[in-house]
C-alpha atoms as a PDB file:
ATOM      1  CA  MET A   1      57.011 -29.764  90.675  1.00  0.00           C
ATOM      2  CA  THR A   2      54.962 -31.506  93.354  1.00  0.00           C
ATOM      3  CA  GLY A   3      57.631 -31.326  96.056  1.00  0.00           C
ATOM      4  CA  ASP A   4      57.525 -35.093  96.542  1.00  0.00           C
ATOM      5  CA  PRO A   5      61.132 -36.238  97.110  1.00  0.00           C
ATOM      6  CA  GLY A   6      60.294 -39.611  95.554  1.00  0.00           C
ATOM      7  CA  LEU A   7      59.260 -37.978  92.271  1.00  0.00           C
ATOM      8  CA  GLN A   8      61.636 -37.181  89.423  1.00  0.00           C
ATOM      9  CA  VAL A   9      60.941 -35.752  85.964  1.00  0.00           C
ATOM     10  CA  ARG A  10      63.162 -35.899  82.890  1.00  0.00           C
ATOM     11  CA  THR A  11      62.280 -34.178  79.626  1.00  0.00           C
ATOM     12  CA  PHE A  12      63.544 -35.237  76.204  1.00  0.00           C
ATOM     13  CA  GLN A  13      63.630 -33.722  72.746  1.00  0.00           C
ATOM     14  CA  ASP A  14      61.356 -36.377  71.253  1.00  0.00           C
ATOM     15  CA  ARG A  15      59.791 -39.794  71.767  1.00  0.00           C
ATOM     16  CA  GLU A  16      62.832 -41.565  70.321  1.00  0.00           C
ATOM     17  CA  ALA A  17      65.156 -40.097  72.945  1.00  0.00           C
ATOM     18  CA  LEU A  18      62.592 -40.820  75.654  1.00  0.00           C
ATOM     19  CA  SER A  19      62.403 -44.454  74.525  1.00  0.00           C
ATOM     20  CA  ARG A  20      66.179 -44.860  74.608  1.00  0.00           C
ATOM     21  CA  ALA A  21      66.305 -43.522  78.158  1.00  0.00           C
ATOM     22  CA  ALA A  22      63.541 -45.932  79.198  1.00  0.00           C
ATOM     23  CA  ALA A  23      65.387 -48.856  77.579  1.00  0.00           C
ATOM     24  CA  ASP A  24      68.614 -47.891  79.343  1.00  0.00           C
ATOM     25  CA  LEU A  25      66.752 -47.814  82.648  1.00  0.00           C
ATOM     26  CA  PHE A  26      65.100 -51.190  81.978  1.00  0.00           C
ATOM     27  CA  VAL A  27      68.490 -52.788  81.294  1.00  0.00           C
ATOM     28  CA  SER A  28      70.150 -51.202  84.325  1.00  0.00           C
ATOM     29  CA  LEU A  29      67.369 -52.143  86.730  1.00  0.00           C
ATOM     30  CA  SER A  30      67.079 -55.676  85.374  1.00  0.00           C
ATOM     31  CA  GLN A  31      70.784 -56.300  85.867  1.00  0.00           C
ATOM     32  CA  SER A  32      71.037 -54.781  89.349  1.00  0.00           C
ATOM     33  CA  THR A  33      67.798 -56.322  90.643  1.00  0.00           C
ATOM     34  CA  ILE A  34      68.643 -59.799  89.367  1.00  0.00           C
ATOM     35  CA  ALA A  35      72.122 -59.547  90.883  1.00  0.00           C
ATOM     36  CA  ALA A  36      70.550 -58.626  94.231  1.00  0.00           C
ATOM     37  CA  GLN A  37      67.521 -60.917  94.395  1.00  0.00           C
ATOM     38  CA  GLY A  38      67.665 -63.360  91.505  1.00  0.00           C
ATOM     39  CA  ARG A  39      64.669 -62.146  89.514  1.00  0.00           C
ATOM     40  CA  PHE A  40      63.140 -59.016  88.002  1.00  0.00           C
ATOM     41  CA  ALA A  41      59.337 -58.606  88.095  1.00  0.00           C
ATOM     42  CA  VAL A  42      57.911 -56.000  85.721  1.00  0.00           C
ATOM     43  CA  ALA A  43      54.381 -54.847  84.921  1.00  0.00           C
ATOM     44  CA  LEU A  44      54.065 -53.580  81.353  1.00  0.00           C
ATOM     45  CA  SER A  45      51.595 -51.047  79.978  1.00  0.00           C
ATOM     46  CA  GLY A  46      49.901 -50.549  76.638  1.00  0.00           C
ATOM     47  CA  GLY A  47      49.589 -47.493  74.432  1.00  0.00           C
ATOM     48  CA  SER A  48      51.638 -45.880  71.706  1.00  0.00           C
ATOM     49  CA  THR A  49      54.389 -44.333  73.843  1.00  0.00           C
ATOM     50  CA  PRO A  50      55.851 -47.564  75.315  1.00  0.00           C
ATOM     51  CA  LYS A  51      55.974 -49.149  71.863  1.00  0.00           C
ATOM     52  CA  GLY A  52      59.284 -47.397  71.212  1.00  0.00           C
ATOM     53  CA  LEU A  53      60.727 -48.853  74.399  1.00  0.00           C
ATOM     54  CA  TYR A  54      59.495 -52.341  73.522  1.00  0.00           C
ATOM     55  CA  THR A  55      60.941 -52.149  70.020  1.00  0.00           C
ATOM     56  CA  LEU A  56      64.348 -51.247  71.443  1.00  0.00           C
ATOM     57  CA  LEU A  57      64.208 -54.137  73.930  1.00  0.00           C
ATOM     58  CA  GLY A  58      63.663 -56.508  71.032  1.00  0.00           C
ATOM     59  CA  ALA A  59      66.771 -55.355  69.163  1.00  0.00           C
ATOM     60  CA  ALA A  60      70.521 -55.137  69.736  1.00  0.00           C
ATOM     61  CA  PRO A  61      72.157 -54.027  71.942  1.00  0.00           C
ATOM     62  CA  TYR A  62      69.345 -54.034  74.511  1.00  0.00           C
ATOM     63  CA  ARG A  63      68.097 -57.515  73.679  1.00  0.00           C
ATOM     64  CA  GLU A  64      71.437 -59.072  74.608  1.00  0.00           C
ATOM     65  CA  ALA A  65      71.918 -56.922  77.718  1.00  0.00           C
ATOM     66  CA  VAL A  66      68.822 -58.097  79.621  1.00  0.00           C
ATOM     67  CA  PRO A  67      69.071 -61.408  81.586  1.00  0.00           C
ATOM     68  CA  TRP A  68      65.750 -62.581  80.130  1.00  0.00           C
ATOM     69  CA  PRO A  69      65.535 -66.025  81.822  1.00  0.00           C
ATOM     70  CA  ARG A  70      65.290 -64.211  85.183  1.00  0.00           C
ATOM     71  CA  VAL A  71      62.717 -61.630  84.016  1.00  0.00           C
ATOM     72  CA  HIS A  72      59.007 -62.087  84.779  1.00  0.00           C
ATOM     73  CA  LEU A  73      56.527 -59.963  82.861  1.00  0.00           C
ATOM     74  CA  PHE A  74      53.038 -58.990  83.979  1.00  0.00           C
ATOM     75  CA  TRP A  75      50.660 -56.278  82.729  1.00  0.00           C
ATOM     76  CA  SER A  76      49.206 -53.254  84.515  1.00  0.00           C
ATOM     77  CA  ASP A  77      45.963 -53.692  82.581  1.00  0.00           C
ATOM     78  CA  GLU A  78      44.465 -55.343  79.551  1.00  0.00           C
ATOM     79  CA  ARG A  79      41.489 -54.946  77.253  1.00  0.00           C
ATOM     80  CA  CYS A  80      39.119 -57.892  77.183  1.00  0.00           C
ATOM     81  CA  VAL A  81      40.023 -59.074  73.712  1.00  0.00           C
ATOM     82  CA  PRO A  82      41.822 -62.192  72.425  1.00  0.00           C
ATOM     83  CA  GLN A  83      45.599 -62.160  72.719  1.00  0.00           C
ATOM     84  CA  ASP A  84      46.041 -61.730  68.964  1.00  0.00           C
ATOM     85  CA  HIS A  85      43.616 -58.804  68.738  1.00  0.00           C
ATOM     86  CA  PRO A  86      45.082 -55.473  67.492  1.00  0.00           C
ATOM     87  CA  GLU A  87      43.939 -53.757  70.728  1.00  0.00           C
ATOM     88  CA  SER A  88      45.612 -56.305  73.009  1.00  0.00           C
ATOM     89  CA  ASN A  89      48.372 -54.918  75.238  1.00  0.00           C
ATOM     90  CA  TYR A  90      49.903 -58.382  75.247  1.00  0.00           C
ATOM     91  CA  LYS A  91      50.046 -58.405  71.433  1.00  0.00           C
ATOM     92  CA  LEU A  92      51.751 -54.996  71.433  1.00  0.00           C
ATOM     93  CA  ALA A  93      54.543 -56.367  73.623  1.00  0.00           C
ATOM     94  CA  TYR A  94      54.684 -59.700  71.799  1.00  0.00           C
ATOM     95  CA  ASP A  95      55.074 -58.163  68.364  1.00  0.00           C
ATOM     96  CA  ALA A  96      57.629 -55.591  69.527  1.00  0.00           C
ATOM     97  CA  PHE A  97      59.928 -57.722  71.673  1.00  0.00           C
ATOM     98  CA  LEU A  98      58.545 -60.874  73.317  1.00  0.00           C
ATOM     99  CA  SER A  99      58.778 -62.766  70.046  1.00  0.00           C
ATOM    100  CA  LYS A 100      62.416 -61.694  69.671  1.00  0.00           C
ATOM    101  CA  VAL A 101      63.962 -62.466  73.083  1.00  0.00           C
ATOM    102  CA  SER A 102      64.831 -65.641  75.001  1.00  0.00           C
ATOM    103  CA  LEU A 103      62.113 -65.343  77.625  1.00  0.00           C
ATOM    104  CA  PRO A 104      60.706 -68.642  78.994  1.00  0.00           C
ATOM    105  CA  SER A 105      56.967 -68.965  78.407  1.00  0.00           C
ATOM    106  CA  GLU A 106      56.368 -69.541  82.129  1.00  0.00           C
ATOM    107  CA  ASN A 107      57.821 -66.091  82.789  1.00  0.00           C
ATOM    108  CA  ILE A 108      55.014 -64.413  80.830  1.00  0.00           C
ATOM    109  CA  HIS A 109      52.038 -63.716  83.102  1.00  0.00           C
ATOM    110  CA  ARG A 110      49.483 -62.228  80.758  1.00  0.00           C
ATOM    111  CA  ILE A 111      45.942 -61.200  81.618  1.00  0.00           C
ATOM    112  CA  ARG A 112      43.547 -63.557  79.867  1.00  0.00           C
ATOM    113  CA  GLY A 113      41.634 -60.921  77.969  1.00  0.00           C
ATOM    114  CA  GLU A 114      39.643 -63.534  76.061  1.00  0.00           C
ATOM    115  CA  GLU A 115      37.785 -64.422  79.278  1.00  0.00           C
ATOM    116  CA  GLU A 116      34.850 -62.603  80.864  1.00  0.00           C
ATOM    117  CA  PRO A 117      36.345 -59.638  82.818  1.00  0.00           C
ATOM    118  CA  GLY A 118      35.359 -60.924  86.253  1.00  0.00           C
ATOM    119  CA  LYS A 119      36.891 -64.329  85.598  1.00  0.00           C
ATOM    120  CA  ALA A 120      39.997 -62.852  83.969  1.00  0.00           C
ATOM    121  CA  ALA A 121      40.571 -60.627  87.019  1.00  0.00           C
ATOM    122  CA  ARG A 122      40.223 -63.568  89.432  1.00  0.00           C
ATOM    123  CA  VAL A 123      42.615 -65.749  87.431  1.00  0.00           C
ATOM    124  CA  TYR A 124      45.124 -62.901  87.262  1.00  0.00           C
ATOM    125  CA  GLU A 125      44.838 -62.313  91.005  1.00  0.00           C
ATOM    126  CA  ASP A 126      45.571 -65.979  91.637  1.00  0.00           C
ATOM    127  CA  ASP A 127      48.648 -65.813  89.421  1.00  0.00           C
ATOM    128  CA  LEU A 128      49.886 -62.668  91.149  1.00  0.00           C
ATOM    129  CA  ARG A 129      49.428 -64.113  94.633  1.00  0.00           C
ATOM    130  CA  ARG A 130      51.162 -67.370  93.709  1.00  0.00           C
ATOM    131  CA  PHE A 131      54.133 -65.549  92.250  1.00  0.00           C
ATOM    132  CA  PHE A 132      54.514 -62.937  94.989  1.00  0.00           C
ATOM    133  CA  GLY A 133      53.617 -65.252  97.858  1.00  0.00           C
ATOM    134  CA  GLY A 134      50.393 -63.641  99.018  1.00  0.00           C
ATOM    135  CA  GLY A 135      49.788 -60.111 100.207  1.00  0.00           C
ATOM    136  CA  VAL A 136      50.108 -57.128  97.918  1.00  0.00           C
ATOM    137  CA  PRO A 137      52.498 -57.742  94.983  1.00  0.00           C
ATOM    138  CA  VAL A 138      55.667 -55.671  94.943  1.00  0.00           C
ATOM    139  CA  PHE A 139      56.880 -55.066  91.407  1.00  0.00           C
ATOM    140  CA  ASP A 140      60.509 -54.169  90.806  1.00  0.00           C
ATOM    141  CA  LEU A 141      59.420 -51.964  87.903  1.00  0.00           C
ATOM    142  CA  LEU A 142      55.967 -50.757  86.968  1.00  0.00           C
ATOM    143  CA  LEU A 143      55.479 -49.109  83.569  1.00  0.00           C
ATOM    144  CA  LEU A 144      52.553 -46.712  83.322  1.00  0.00           C
ATOM    145  CA  GLY A 145      51.129 -44.002  81.108  1.00  0.00           C
ATOM    146  CA  ALA A 146      48.665 -41.182  81.685  1.00  0.00           C
ATOM    147  CA  GLY A 147      45.618 -40.673  79.511  1.00  0.00           C
ATOM    148  CA  GLU A 148      44.406 -37.227  78.531  1.00  0.00           C
ATOM    149  CA  ASP A 149      41.813 -37.558  81.323  1.00  0.00           C
ATOM    150  CA  GLY A 150      44.505 -38.524  83.840  1.00  0.00           C
ATOM    151  CA  HIS A 151      43.691 -42.227  83.956  1.00  0.00           C
ATOM    152  CA  THR A 152      46.456 -44.750  84.403  1.00  0.00           C
ATOM    153  CA  ALA A 153      46.353 -48.513  83.874  1.00  0.00           C
ATOM    154  CA  SER A 154      42.550 -48.869  83.614  1.00  0.00           C
ATOM    155  CA  LEU A 155      41.825 -46.714  86.649  1.00  0.00           C
ATOM    156  CA  PHE A 156      39.619 -43.863  85.453  1.00  0.00           C
ATOM    157  CA  PRO A 157      38.620 -40.584  87.160  1.00  0.00           C
ATOM    158  CA  GLY A 158      35.643 -41.078  89.449  1.00  0.00           C
ATOM    159  CA  SER A 159      35.736 -44.871  89.259  1.00  0.00           C
ATOM    160  CA  PRO A 160      34.834 -46.894  92.375  1.00  0.00           C
ATOM    161  CA  SER A 161      37.930 -48.962  91.587  1.00  0.00           C
ATOM    162  CA  LEU A 162      40.040 -46.125  92.996  1.00  0.00           C
ATOM    163  CA  HIS A 163      38.754 -46.957  96.484  1.00  0.00           C
ATOM    164  CA  GLU A 164      39.616 -50.658  96.362  1.00  0.00           C
ATOM    165  CA  THR A 165      41.835 -51.684  99.287  1.00  0.00           C
ATOM    166  CA  THR A 166      41.918 -55.484  99.327  1.00  0.00           C
ATOM    167  CA  ARG A 167      41.869 -56.860  95.787  1.00  0.00           C
ATOM    168  CA  VAL A 168      44.940 -56.660  93.573  1.00  0.00           C
ATOM    169  CA  ALA A 169      43.150 -56.900  90.201  1.00  0.00           C
ATOM    170  CA  LEU A 170      39.668 -55.818  89.182  1.00  0.00           C
ATOM    171  CA  PRO A 171      37.354 -56.064  86.187  1.00  0.00           C
ATOM    172  CA  VAL A 172      36.471 -52.731  84.595  1.00  0.00           C
ATOM    173  CA  TYR A 173      33.151 -52.587  82.762  1.00  0.00           C
ATOM    174  CA  LEU A 174      32.874 -49.726  80.285  1.00  0.00           C
ATOM    175  CA  GLU A 175      30.073 -48.638  77.978  1.00  0.00           C
ATOM    176  CA  ARG A 176      30.524 -49.509  74.341  1.00  0.00           C
ATOM    177  CA  PRO A 177      32.289 -48.824  72.081  1.00  0.00           C
ATOM    178  CA  LYS A 178      34.994 -48.936  74.739  1.00  0.00           C
ATOM    179  CA  ARG A 179      36.326 -52.358  75.674  1.00  0.00           C
ATOM    180  CA  ASP A 180      35.853 -53.923  79.092  1.00  0.00           C
ATOM    181  CA  ARG A 181      39.168 -54.339  80.855  1.00  0.00           C
ATOM    182  CA  VAL A 182      41.099 -55.810  83.777  1.00  0.00           C
ATOM    183  CA  THR A 183      43.394 -53.604  85.844  1.00  0.00           C
ATOM    184  CA  LEU A 184      45.799 -53.688  88.737  1.00  0.00           C
ATOM    185  CA  THR A 185      44.556 -51.681  91.712  1.00  0.00           C
ATOM    186  CA  LEU A 186      46.080 -48.680  93.467  1.00  0.00           C
ATOM    187  CA  PRO A 187      47.398 -50.739  96.409  1.00  0.00           C
ATOM    188  CA  VAL A 188      49.541 -52.654  93.904  1.00  0.00           C
ATOM    189  CA  LEU A 189      50.678 -49.554  92.024  1.00  0.00           C
ATOM    190  CA  ASN A 190      51.679 -47.962  95.317  1.00  0.00           C
ATOM    191  CA  ARG A 191      53.820 -50.870  96.471  1.00  0.00           C
ATOM    192  CA  ALA A 192      56.157 -50.899  93.465  1.00  0.00           C
ATOM    193  CA  ALA A 193      59.859 -50.289  94.013  1.00  0.00           C
ATOM    194  CA  HIS A 194      60.136 -48.202  90.842  1.00  0.00           C
ATOM    195  CA  VAL A 195      57.332 -46.612  88.821  1.00  0.00           C
ATOM    196  CA  LEU A 196      58.117 -45.313  85.354  1.00  0.00           C
ATOM    197  CA  PHE A 197      55.584 -43.033  83.653  1.00  0.00           C
ATOM    198  CA  LEU A 198      56.027 -42.469  79.923  1.00  0.00           C
ATOM    199  CA  ALA A 199      54.172 -39.558  78.307  1.00  0.00           C
ATOM    200  CA  SER A 200      54.604 -38.018  74.880  1.00  0.00           C
ATOM    201  CA  GLY A 201      52.763 -35.645  72.583  1.00  0.00           C
ATOM    202  CA  ARG A 202      51.122 -32.260  72.975  1.00  0.00           C
ATOM    203  CA  ALA A 203      47.758 -33.899  73.748  1.00  0.00           C
ATOM    204  CA  LYS A 204      49.229 -34.938  77.118  1.00  0.00           C
ATOM    205  CA  ALA A 205      50.535 -31.474  78.017  1.00  0.00           C
ATOM    206  CA  ASP A 206      47.535 -30.375  80.096  1.00  0.00           C
ATOM    207  CA  VAL A 207      47.309 -33.470  82.245  1.00  0.00           C
ATOM    208  CA  VAL A 208      51.091 -33.693  82.664  1.00  0.00           C
ATOM    209  CA  SER A 209      51.246 -30.120  83.961  1.00  0.00           C
ATOM    210  CA  GLU A 210      48.248 -30.672  86.245  1.00  0.00           C
ATOM    211  CA  ILE A 211      49.722 -33.820  87.781  1.00  0.00           C
ATOM    212  CA  LEU A 212      53.291 -32.580  88.117  1.00  0.00           C
ATOM    213  CA  GLU A 213      52.664 -28.946  89.036  1.00  0.00           C
ATOM    214  CA  GLY A 214      48.953 -28.603  89.790  1.00  0.00           C
ATOM    215  CA  GLY A 215      47.578 -28.293  93.278  1.00  0.00           C
ATOM    216  CA  ASN A 216      44.890 -30.964  92.994  1.00  0.00           C
ATOM    217  CA  VAL A 217      46.588 -34.156  91.829  1.00  0.00           C
ATOM    218  CA  GLN A 218      44.006 -36.212  93.746  1.00  0.00           C
ATOM    219  CA  ARG A 219      41.508 -35.737  90.915  1.00  0.00           C
ATOM    220  CA  TYR A 220      43.692 -37.741  88.546  1.00  0.00           C
ATOM    221  CA  PRO A 221      44.311 -41.471  89.044  1.00  0.00           C
ATOM    222  CA  ALA A 222      47.854 -41.036  87.693  1.00  0.00           C
ATOM    223  CA  GLY A 223      48.451 -38.491  90.447  1.00  0.00           C
ATOM    224  CA  LEU A 224      47.394 -41.043  93.063  1.00  0.00           C
ATOM    225  CA  VAL A 225      50.360 -43.256  92.215  1.00  0.00           C
ATOM    226  CA  GLN A 226      52.639 -42.457  95.153  1.00  0.00           C
ATOM    227  CA  PRO A 227      54.538 -45.584  96.215  1.00  0.00           C
ATOM    228  CA  VAL A 228      54.991 -45.948  99.967  1.00  0.00           C
ATOM    229  CA  ASN A 229      58.507 -47.384  99.657  1.00  0.00           C
ATOM    230  CA  GLY A 230      59.408 -46.641  96.052  1.00  0.00           C
ATOM    231  CA  ASP A 231      60.101 -43.857  93.604  1.00  0.00           C
ATOM    232  CA  VAL A 232      58.349 -42.373  90.586  1.00  0.00           C
ATOM    233  CA  LEU A 233      60.126 -41.220  87.454  1.00  0.00           C
ATOM    234  CA  TRP A 234      58.330 -39.394  84.639  1.00  0.00           C
ATOM    235  CA  LEU A 235      59.985 -39.481  81.226  1.00  0.00           C
ATOM    236  CA  ILE A 236      58.256 -36.993  78.935  1.00  0.00           C
ATOM    237  CA  ASP A 237      59.034 -35.485  75.559  1.00  0.00           C
ATOM    238  CA  ARG A 238      59.228 -31.792  74.760  1.00  0.00           C
ATOM    239  CA  GLU A 239      55.664 -31.581  73.491  1.00  0.00           C
ATOM    240  CA  ALA A 240      54.196 -33.193  76.615  1.00  0.00           C
ATOM    241  CA  ALA A 241      56.276 -30.795  78.737  1.00  0.00           C
ATOM    242  CA  VAL A 242      55.274 -27.628  76.906  1.00  0.00           C
ATOM    243  CA  LYS A 243      52.991 -26.379  79.719  1.00  0.00           C
ATOM    244  CA  LEU A 244      55.344 -27.104  82.603  1.00  0.00           C
ATOM    245  CA  ARG A 245      56.578 -23.977  84.323  1.00  0.00           C
ATOM    246  CA  LYS A 246      59.873 -25.597  85.321  1.00  0.00           C
ATOM    247  CA  PRO A 247      60.682 -28.352  82.837  1.00  0.00           C
ATOM    248  CA  VAL A 248      63.747 -30.462  83.559  1.00  0.00           C
ATOM    249  CA  ARG A 249      65.747 -30.895  80.368  1.00  0.00           C
ATOM    250  CA  THR A 250      67.917 -33.905  79.506  1.00  0.00           C
END
C-alpha cells in the first residue's frame, strides 16, 4: 500500500458486505463521538456505492442505534439541481434514510443546489462557518468516493480548485451536459477526524490500485486526501480490489 500509517484498506466480497461494514462504522463512531463531545458532524457523498449504506441506516437495527438528534449532516458536494431532482445528492440521502429517521430539520445542512453555483457555495460556506465556529471545519466523519478519473467530491484532476487554500466551499463550473456543482475544498477534506472512502465495481479497479499502490498519487484528487490529524479508511469490494497486488481481505 502507500505506507501511510493513517491509511487502512479493507476488502469485501461484494457491495452488500461493504455497506454493512460502513453502517457498523457509522453507528460506532456516532455513539462514541456523541458520548465524548455531544454531537456528530458528518459530510455525506453521492453516487451509487453509498446508497447501500444509506439504505441500511434507514432500517432496523441501524436506524434505532444512531442517536439522530445529536447528528448533523452536511454534504461533500452537490450538483446544481433542485433538491427533488433525480441527480441530487440530497435526494439520494433523503429517499434512502433521511425520510425514515428522527433527525431534526435544523440538523440537515444541505447545499442549495437550486441556486446559482457561486451563491450556493457562499451560502454553504456561511453555514459551515457558523456551525464550526470559524476557521476550517473539522468533520467527525467524511464520506467520499473516487471516480474512475480519480476525482473525489467535485474536485477533478487538473482543476484550479485543488490549489484553494482559504475557502471551504467552491462553485465548480463544468461544460454541458455535465452539471455545475458545489464542493468542499481540500483544506476541509484534510482536517477531518475520519475519512471513509467507499469504492465498488471493476470500473474502479485501475484508479483504486493507482491511489493505494501507485507511486504518483498526487495526480489524483482522491489521493490528495491525507488528513493532518485524522485517518483514512478505504472499504472496497472484490471487483474494485482486483488489481491490488496486496489486497487486504475481510
